Amino acid sequence: MTWQLQDAKNKFSEVVDTSITNGPQIISRRGRNTAVLISYDEYQKLTTPSKDLKALLYNSGFHELDLTRDKSLTGRASEQLI
């Protein structure tokens, strides 16, 4: 929902309650969107660092893949097309 700044000031408690129950609330000034009010839970989701890359890759199962090079393939790629 979009609130005009003056309405958001006058109904601040309602804007806060609505941000908790219905998600982010947009506040506009002079017809332009200028701010967003979000709940604290939503703020924490946005600012909490995600797992580091190493942990992400390890937990994805990629660490179980055999990525060693097949040494039976030698020579240039053009020679292997025959």
Protein backbone atom coordinates (compact mmCIF):
# COMPACT_ATOMS: atom_id res chain seq x y z
CA MET A 1 0.00 0.00 0.00
CA THR A 2 1.16 3.53 -0.67
CA TRP A 3 0.70 6.26 1.95
CA GLN A 4 0.99 9.99 1.42
CA LEU A 5 3.58 11.33 3.86
CA GLN A 6 1.06 13.45 5.78
CA ASP A 7 -1.29 10.45 6.17
CA ALA A 8 1.61 8.24 7.26
CA LYS A 9 2.54 10.80 9.93
CA ASN A 10 -1.03 11.06 11.19
CA LYS A 11 -1.58 7.29 11.19
CA PHE A 12 1.91 6.09 12.07
CA SER A 13 0.69 3.28 14.35
CA GLU A 14 -1.57 2.00 11.59
CA VAL A 15 1.26 2.15 9.03
CA VAL A 16 3.51 0.17 11.41
CA ASP A 17 0.80 -2.41 12.12
CA THR A 18 0.09 -2.78 8.41
CA SER A 19 3.79 -3.29 7.65
CA ILE A 20 3.84 -6.14 10.18
CA THR A 21 0.71 -7.86 8.88
CA ASN A 22 0.72 -7.01 5.16
CA GLY A 23 4.37 -6.37 4.30
CA PRO A 24 6.29 -3.28 3.23
CA GLN A 25 4.46 0.06 3.13
CA ILE A 26 5.48 2.68 0.59
CA ILE A 27 5.46 6.33 1.63
CA SER A 28 5.26 9.05 -1.00
CA ARG A 29 5.99 12.75 -0.92
CA ARG A 30 4.67 15.12 -3.58
CA GLY A 31 3.52 12.18 -5.69
CA ARG A 32 6.89 10.37 -5.68
CA ASN A 33 7.68 7.21 -3.75
CA THR A 34 10.35 8.22 -1.25
CA ALA A 35 10.49 5.64 1.55
CA VAL A 36 9.47 2.14 2.57
CA LEU A 37 8.51 1.01 6.05
CA ILE A 38 9.17 -2.67 6.76
CA SER A 39 8.75 -4.83 9.84
CA TYR A 40 11.77 -5.61 11.99
CA ASP A 41 11.56 -9.29 10.99
CA GLU A 42 11.74 -8.32 7.32
CA TYR A 43 14.65 -5.98 8.06
CA GLN A 44 16.56 -8.81 9.74
CA LYS A 45 15.99 -11.09 6.74
CA LEU A 46 17.44 -8.41 4.48
CA THR A 47 20.46 -7.57 6.64
CA THR A 48 21.49 -10.96 8.04
CA PRO A 49 24.49 -12.22 6.08
CA SER A 50 23.86 -15.37 4.15
CA LYS A 51 26.18 -18.38 4.42
CA ASP A 52 29.63 -17.97 3.02
CA LEU A 53 30.42 -19.46 -0.40
CA LYS A 54 32.41 -22.37 1.03
CA ALA A 55 29.53 -23.46 3.28
CA LEU A 56 27.04 -23.00 0.46
CA LEU A 57 29.03 -25.19 -1.94
CA TYR A 58 29.72 -27.82 0.73
CA ASN A 59 26.06 -28.09 1.66
CA SER A 60 24.98 -28.25 -1.99
CA GLY A 61 26.58 -31.68 -2.52
CA PHE A 62 29.10 -30.38 -5.08
CA HIS A 63 31.96 -31.43 -2.80
CA GLU A 64 31.09 -35.05 -3.59
CA LEU A 65 31.68 -34.64 -7.35
CA ASP A 66 34.83 -36.07 -8.89
CA LEU A 67 36.34 -33.12 -10.73
CA THR A 68 39.68 -34.69 -11.58
CA ARG A 69 40.76 -34.33 -15.18
CA ASP A 70 40.47 -37.33 -17.49
CA LYS A 71 44.10 -37.77 -18.54
CA SER A 72 43.23 -40.33 -21.23
CA LEU A 73 42.20 -37.46 -23.48
CA THR A 74 45.43 -36.02 -24.87
CA GLY A 75 46.22 -33.85 -27.85
CA ARG A 76 44.37 -31.01 -29.40
CA ALA A 77 40.61 -30.80 -29.65
CA SER A 78 40.78 -30.80 -33.48
CA GLU A 79 42.67 -34.14 -33.43
CA GLN A 80 39.92 -35.73 -31.33
CA LEU A 81 37.18 -34.94 -33.85
CA ILE A 82 38.28 -37.73 -36.23
